[in-house]
Amino acid sequence: MYIDPGYGSLVFQVAAALAVSFGAFWLASWEKFRGLFFRKEKNPAEKPEKEERGFSSASSVDEDGFLK
């Protein structure tokens, strides 16, 4: 049986692409599936601080939602 080098290369590339894409899909799906049943406990000491976005929480706001 003879396989043309161009066609053989195409078959090899398709097989490799399918293997890689299936592997990536499997890993992504497995992490989501595991996340449903196993949750990591968050340590309060490692919890990141809230970032300030330019306004302090003590700033006064009027009834329309604008800063005074």
PDB file of N, CA and C in Angstrom:
ATOM      1  N   MET A   1       0.843  -1.174   0.000  1.00  0.00           N
ATOM      2  CA  MET A   1       0.000   0.000   0.000  1.00  0.00           C
ATOM      3  C   MET A   1       0.892   1.243   0.000  1.00  0.00           C
ATOM      4  N   TYR A   2       0.625   2.144  -0.916  1.00  0.00           N
ATOM      5  CA  TYR A   2       1.426   3.347  -1.061  1.00  0.00           C
ATOM      6  C   TYR A   2       0.610   4.555  -0.598  1.00  0.00           C
ATOM      7  N   ILE A   3       1.214   5.374   0.266  1.00  0.00           N
ATOM      8  CA  ILE A   3       0.581   6.622   0.694  1.00  0.00           C
ATOM      9  C   ILE A   3       1.454   7.762   0.195  1.00  0.00           C
ATOM     10  N   ASP A   4       0.870   8.606  -0.598  1.00  0.00           N
ATOM     11  CA  ASP A   4       1.566   9.768  -1.136  1.00  0.00           C
ATOM     12  C   ASP A   4       2.113  10.599   0.027  1.00  0.00           C
ATOM     13  N   PRO A   5       3.355  11.107  -0.067  1.00  0.00           N
ATOM     14  CA  PRO A   5       3.927  11.894   1.032  1.00  0.00           C
ATOM     15  C   PRO A   5       3.066  13.097   1.424  1.00  0.00           C
ATOM     16  N   GLY A   6       2.460  13.760   0.467  1.00  0.00           N
ATOM     17  CA  GLY A   6       1.612  14.917   0.782  1.00  0.00           C
ATOM     18  C   GLY A   6       0.372  14.492   1.548  1.00  0.00           C
ATOM     19  N   TYR A   7      -0.272  13.418   1.104  1.00  0.00           N
ATOM     20  CA  TYR A   7      -1.475  12.919   1.767  1.00  0.00           C
ATOM     21  C   TYR A   7      -1.132  12.323   3.132  1.00  0.00           C
ATOM     22  N   GLY A   8      -0.013  11.619   3.220  1.00  0.00           N
ATOM     23  CA  GLY A   8       0.420  11.042   4.502  1.00  0.00           C
ATOM     24  C   GLY A   8       0.694  12.116   5.530  1.00  0.00           C
ATOM     25  N   SER A   9       1.311  13.211   5.076  1.00  0.00           N
ATOM     26  CA  SER A   9       1.581  14.328   5.971  1.00  0.00           C
ATOM     27  C   SER A   9       0.279  14.959   6.450  1.00  0.00           C
ATOM     28  N   LEU A  10      -0.685  15.080   5.555  1.00  0.00           N
ATOM     29  CA  LEU A  10      -1.982  15.640   5.914  1.00  0.00           C
ATOM     30  C   LEU A  10      -2.681  14.755   6.950  1.00  0.00           C
ATOM     31  N   VAL A  11      -2.655  13.454   6.733  1.00  0.00           N
ATOM     32  CA  VAL A  11      -3.279  12.517   7.676  1.00  0.00           C
ATOM     33  C   VAL A  11      -2.602  12.609   9.035  1.00  0.00           C
ATOM     34  N   PHE A  12      -1.280  12.691   9.041  1.00  0.00           N
ATOM     35  CA  PHE A  12      -0.538  12.801  10.299  1.00  0.00           C
ATOM     36  C   PHE A  12      -0.891  14.102  11.026  1.00  0.00           C
ATOM     37  N   GLN A  13      -0.980  15.216  10.314  1.00  0.00           N
ATOM     38  CA  GLN A  13      -1.307  16.495  10.934  1.00  0.00           C
ATOM     39  C   GLN A  13      -2.718  16.506  11.505  1.00  0.00           C
ATOM     40  N   VAL A  14      -3.659  15.899  10.788  1.00  0.00           N
ATOM     41  CA  VAL A  14      -5.036  15.830  11.282  1.00  0.00           C
ATOM     42  C   VAL A  14      -5.096  14.978  12.536  1.00  0.00           C
ATOM     43  N   ALA A  15      -4.395  13.843  12.541  1.00  0.00           N
ATOM     44  CA  ALA A  15      -4.390  12.973  13.714  1.00  0.00           C
ATOM     45  C   ALA A  15      -3.754  13.684  14.917  1.00  0.00           C
ATOM     46  N   ALA A  16      -2.666  14.394  14.688  1.00  0.00           N
ATOM     47  CA  ALA A  16      -2.004  15.120  15.770  1.00  0.00           C
ATOM     48  C   ALA A  16      -2.901  16.240  16.300  1.00  0.00           C
ATOM     49  N   ALA A  17      -3.569  16.966  15.409  1.00  0.00           N
ATOM     50  CA  ALA A  17      -4.456  18.054  15.837  1.00  0.00           C
ATOM     51  C   ALA A  17      -5.634  17.513  16.637  1.00  0.00           C
ATOM     52  N   LEU A  18      -6.194  16.380  16.206  1.00  0.00           N
ATOM     53  CA  LEU A  18      -7.298  15.777  16.957  1.00  0.00           C
ATOM     54  C   LEU A  18      -6.842  15.334  18.340  1.00  0.00           C
ATOM     55  N   ALA A  19      -5.659  14.746  18.429  1.00  0.00           N
ATOM     56  CA  ALA A  19      -5.143  14.292  19.724  1.00  0.00           C
ATOM     57  C   ALA A  19      -4.920  15.467  20.673  1.00  0.00           C
ATOM     58  N   VAL A  20      -4.327  16.545  20.171  1.00  0.00           N
ATOM     59  CA  VAL A  20      -4.059  17.712  21.013  1.00  0.00           C
ATOM     60  C   VAL A  20      -5.347  18.394  21.438  1.00  0.00           C
ATOM     61  N   SER A  21      -6.287  18.549  20.515  1.00  0.00           N
ATOM     62  CA  SER A  21      -7.541  19.220  20.866  1.00  0.00           C
ATOM     63  C   SER A  21      -8.372  18.367  21.826  1.00  0.00           C
ATOM     64  N   PHE A  22      -8.364  17.051  21.651  1.00  0.00           N
ATOM     65  CA  PHE A  22      -9.075  16.192  22.594  1.00  0.00           C
ATOM     66  C   PHE A  22      -8.437  16.272  23.972  1.00  0.00           C
ATOM     67  N   GLY A  23      -7.117  16.308  24.025  1.00  0.00           N
ATOM     68  CA  GLY A  23      -6.422  16.424  25.310  1.00  0.00           C
ATOM     69  C   GLY A  23      -6.746  17.733  26.015  1.00  0.00           C
ATOM     70  N   ALA A  24      -6.767  18.828  25.268  1.00  0.00           N
ATOM     71  CA  ALA A  24      -7.091  20.132  25.866  1.00  0.00           C
ATOM     72  C   ALA A  24      -8.538  20.155  26.348  1.00  0.00           C
ATOM     73  N   PHE A  25      -9.440  19.603  25.547  1.00  0.00           N
ATOM     74  CA  PHE A  25     -10.846  19.537  25.943  1.00  0.00           C
ATOM     75  C   PHE A  25     -11.010  18.693  27.203  1.00  0.00           C
ATOM     76  N   TRP A  26     -10.312  17.573  27.265  1.00  0.00           N
ATOM     77  CA  TRP A  26     -10.411  16.670  28.421  1.00  0.00           C
ATOM     78  C   TRP A  26      -9.914  17.366  29.686  1.00  0.00           C
ATOM     79  N   LEU A  27      -8.783  18.051  29.599  1.00  0.00           N
ATOM     80  CA  LEU A  27      -8.253  18.737  30.777  1.00  0.00           C
ATOM     81  C   LEU A  27      -9.195  19.832  31.261  1.00  0.00           C
ATOM     82  N   ALA A  28      -9.736  20.615  30.353  1.00  0.00           N
ATOM     83  CA  ALA A  28     -10.648  21.690  30.736  1.00  0.00           C
ATOM     84  C   ALA A  28     -11.923  21.111  31.353  1.00  0.00           C
ATOM     85  N   SER A  29     -12.444  20.066  30.758  1.00  0.00           N
ATOM     86  CA  SER A  29     -13.665  19.452  31.276  1.00  0.00           C
ATOM     87  C   SER A  29     -13.412  18.793  32.618  1.00  0.00           C
ATOM     88  N   TRP A  30     -12.258  18.158  32.777  1.00  0.00           N
ATOM     89  CA  TRP A  30     -11.941  17.472  34.024  1.00  0.00           C
ATOM     90  C   TRP A  30     -11.839  18.477  35.165  1.00  0.00           C
ATOM     91  N   GLU A  31     -11.219  19.624  34.938  1.00  0.00           N
ATOM     92  CA  GLU A  31     -11.100  20.629  35.991  1.00  0.00           C
ATOM     93  C   GLU A  31     -12.474  21.168  36.389  1.00  0.00           C
ATOM     94  N   LYS A  32     -13.355  21.389  35.436  1.00  0.00           N
ATOM     95  CA  LYS A  32     -14.705  21.857  35.763  1.00  0.00           C
ATOM     96  C   LYS A  32     -15.476  20.779  36.513  1.00  0.00           C
ATOM     97  N   PHE A  33     -15.332  19.527  36.103  1.00  0.00           N
ATOM     98  CA  PHE A  33     -16.012  18.416  36.768  1.00  0.00           C
ATOM     99  C   PHE A  33     -15.515  18.263  38.199  1.00  0.00           C
ATOM    100  N   ARG A  34     -14.205  18.330  38.387  1.00  0.00           N
ATOM    101  CA  ARG A  34     -13.637  18.228  39.736  1.00  0.00           C
ATOM    102  C   ARG A  34     -14.081  19.400  40.605  1.00  0.00           C
ATOM    103  N   GLY A  35     -14.217  20.570  40.002  1.00  0.00           N
ATOM    104  CA  GLY A  35     -14.619  21.756  40.744  1.00  0.00           C
ATOM    105  C   GLY A  35     -16.024  21.636  41.325  1.00  0.00           C
ATOM    106  N   LEU A  36     -16.857  20.803  40.727  1.00  0.00           N
ATOM    107  CA  LEU A  36     -18.199  20.606  41.258  1.00  0.00           C
ATOM    108  C   LEU A  36     -18.184  19.858  42.586  1.00  0.00           C
ATOM    109  N   PHE A  37     -17.209  18.974  42.771  1.00  0.00           N
ATOM    110  CA  PHE A  37     -17.197  18.101  43.939  1.00  0.00           C
ATOM    111  C   PHE A  37     -16.120  18.437  44.956  1.00  0.00           C
ATOM    112  N   PHE A  38     -15.014  18.997  44.497  1.00  0.00           N
ATOM    113  CA  PHE A  38     -13.913  19.300  45.407  1.00  0.00           C
ATOM    114  C   PHE A  38     -13.619  20.785  45.375  1.00  0.00           C
ATOM    115  N   ARG A  39     -13.891  21.446  46.478  1.00  0.00           N
ATOM    116  CA  ARG A  39     -13.617  22.882  46.580  1.00  0.00           C
ATOM    117  C   ARG A  39     -12.403  23.080  47.483  1.00  0.00           C
ATOM    118  N   LYS A  40     -11.547  24.000  47.087  1.00  0.00           N
ATOM    119  CA  LYS A  40     -10.400  24.329  47.929  1.00  0.00           C
ATOM    120  C   LYS A  40     -10.886  25.225  49.055  1.00  0.00           C
ATOM    121  N   GLU A  41     -10.423  24.947  50.259  1.00  0.00           N
ATOM    122  CA  GLU A  41     -10.756  25.809  51.390  1.00  0.00           C
ATOM    123  C   GLU A  41      -9.877  27.047  51.318  1.00  0.00           C
ATOM    124  N   LYS A  42     -10.499  28.202  51.416  1.00  0.00           N
ATOM    125  CA  LYS A  42      -9.741  29.439  51.360  1.00  0.00           C
ATOM    126  C   LYS A  42      -9.301  29.818  52.758  1.00  0.00           C
ATOM    127  N   ASN A  43      -8.031  30.023  52.913  1.00  0.00           N
ATOM    128  CA  ASN A  43      -7.469  30.435  54.183  1.00  0.00           C
ATOM    129  C   ASN A  43      -7.657  31.951  54.306  1.00  0.00           C
ATOM    130  N   PRO A  44      -8.300  32.427  55.372  1.00  0.00           N
ATOM    131  CA  PRO A  44      -8.529  33.873  55.496  1.00  0.00           C
ATOM    132  C   PRO A  44      -7.234  34.681  55.497  1.00  0.00           C
ATOM    133  N   ALA A  45      -6.131  34.094  55.949  1.00  0.00           N
ATOM    134  CA  ALA A  45      -4.862  34.816  55.969  1.00  0.00           C
ATOM    135  C   ALA A  45      -4.335  35.029  54.554  1.00  0.00           C
ATOM    136  N   GLU A  46      -4.693  34.152  53.618  1.00  0.00           N
ATOM    137  CA  GLU A  46      -4.201  34.260  52.252  1.00  0.00           C
ATOM    138  C   GLU A  46      -5.163  35.026  51.343  1.00  0.00           C
ATOM    139  N   LYS A  47      -6.284  35.465  51.877  1.00  0.00           N
ATOM    140  CA  LYS A  47      -7.277  36.165  51.073  1.00  0.00           C
ATOM    141  C   LYS A  47      -6.727  37.522  50.640  1.00  0.00           C
ATOM    142  N   PRO A  48      -6.790  37.824  49.344  1.00  0.00           N
ATOM    143  CA  PRO A  48      -6.256  39.124  48.891  1.00  0.00           C
ATOM    144  C   PRO A  48      -7.125  40.272  49.375  1.00  0.00           C
ATOM    145  N   GLU A  49      -6.466  41.384  49.589  1.00  0.00           N
ATOM    146  CA  GLU A  49      -7.170  42.587  50.033  1.00  0.00           C
ATOM    147  C   GLU A  49      -7.962  43.163  48.866  1.00  0.00           C
ATOM    148  N   LYS A  50      -9.074  43.845  49.188  1.00  0.00           N
ATOM    149  CA  LYS A  50      -9.845  44.521  48.145  1.00  0.00           C
ATOM    150  C   LYS A  50      -9.041  45.687  47.616  1.00  0.00           C
ATOM    151  N   GLU A  51      -9.079  45.847  46.307  1.00  0.00           N
ATOM    152  CA  GLU A  51      -8.367  46.970  45.702  1.00  0.00           C
ATOM    153  C   GLU A  51      -9.265  48.200  45.713  1.00  0.00           C
ATOM    154  N   GLU A  52      -8.672  49.322  46.042  1.00  0.00           N
ATOM    155  CA  GLU A  52      -9.390  50.580  45.994  1.00  0.00           C
ATOM    156  C   GLU A  52      -9.440  51.044  44.551  1.00  0.00           C
ATOM    157  N   ARG A  53     -10.545  51.582  44.117  1.00  0.00           N
ATOM    158  CA  ARG A  53     -10.689  52.014  42.732  1.00  0.00           C
ATOM    159  C   ARG A  53     -10.832  53.532  42.630  1.00  0.00           C
ATOM    160  N   GLY A  54     -10.081  54.266  43.421  1.00  0.00           N
ATOM    161  CA  GLY A  54     -10.087  55.712  43.295  1.00  0.00           C
ATOM    162  C   GLY A  54     -11.018  56.410  44.270  1.00  0.00           C
ATOM    163  N   PHE A  55     -12.020  55.732  44.807  1.00  0.00           N
ATOM    164  CA  PHE A  55     -12.941  56.334  45.759  1.00  0.00           C
ATOM    165  C   PHE A  55     -12.848  55.583  47.066  1.00  0.00           C
ATOM    166  N   SER A  56     -12.870  56.315  48.155  1.00  0.00           N
ATOM    167  CA  SER A  56     -12.844  55.642  49.447  1.00  0.00           C
ATOM    168  C   SER A  56     -14.261  55.227  49.824  1.00  0.00           C
ATOM    169  N   SER A  57     -14.361  54.216  50.653  1.00  0.00           N
ATOM    170  CA  SER A  57     -15.681  53.731  51.055  1.00  0.00           C
ATOM    171  C   SER A  57     -16.386  54.724  51.973  1.00  0.00           C
ATOM    172  N   ALA A  58     -15.641  55.693  52.532  1.00  0.00           N
ATOM    173  CA  ALA A  58     -16.221  56.669  53.440  1.00  0.00           C
ATOM    174  C   ALA A  58     -16.709  57.918  52.709  1.00  0.00           C
ATOM    175  N   SER A  59     -16.594  57.937  51.381  1.00  0.00           N
ATOM    176  CA  SER A  59     -17.029  59.129  50.651  1.00  0.00           C
ATOM    177  C   SER A  59     -18.549  59.234  50.701  1.00  0.00           C
ATOM    178  N   SER A  60     -19.044  60.466  50.699  1.00  0.00           N
ATOM    179  CA  SER A  60     -20.485  60.666  50.810  1.00  0.00           C
ATOM    180  C   SER A  60     -21.123  60.715  49.425  1.00  0.00           C
ATOM    181  N   VAL A  61     -22.289  60.111  49.307  1.00  0.00           N
ATOM    182  CA  VAL A  61     -23.016  60.038  48.054  1.00  0.00           C
ATOM    183  C   VAL A  61     -24.419  60.577  48.296  1.00  0.00           C
ATOM    184  N   ASP A  62     -24.907  61.421  47.381  1.00  0.00           N
ATOM    185  CA  ASP A  62     -26.256  61.942  47.562  1.00  0.00           C
ATOM    186  C   ASP A  62     -27.291  60.942  47.086  1.00  0.00           C
ATOM    187  N   GLU A  63     -28.577  61.319  47.162  1.00  0.00           N
ATOM    188  CA  GLU A  63     -29.666  60.378  46.854  1.00  0.00           C
ATOM    189  C   GLU A  63     -29.712  59.961  45.377  1.00  0.00           C
ATOM    190  N   ASP A  64     -29.063  60.720  44.490  1.00  0.00           N
ATOM    191  CA  ASP A  64     -29.018  60.371  43.074  1.00  0.00           C
ATOM    192  C   ASP A  64     -27.832  59.487  42.711  1.00  0.00           C
ATOM    193  N   GLY A  65     -26.970  59.237  43.681  1.00  0.00           N
ATOM    194  CA  GLY A  65     -25.812  58.386  43.442  1.00  0.00           C
ATOM    195  C   GLY A  65     -24.555  59.141  43.041  1.00  0.00           C
ATOM    196  N   PHE A  66     -24.593  60.467  43.123  1.00  0.00           N
ATOM    197  CA  PHE A  66     -23.412  61.251  42.775  1.00  0.00           C
ATOM    198  C   PHE A  66     -22.599  61.566  44.015  1.00  0.00           C
ATOM    199  N   LEU A  67     -21.289  61.697  43.833  1.00  0.00           N
ATOM    200  CA  LEU A  67     -20.429  62.067  44.959  1.00  0.00           C
ATOM    201  C   LEU A  67     -20.645  63.528  45.314  1.00  0.00           C
ATOM    202  N   LYS A  68     -20.622  63.820  46.595  1.00  0.00           N
ATOM    203  CA  LYS A  68     -20.779  65.211  47.057  1.00  0.00           C
ATOM    204  C   LYS A  68     -19.458  65.923  47.048  1.00  0.00           C
TER     205      LYS A  68
END
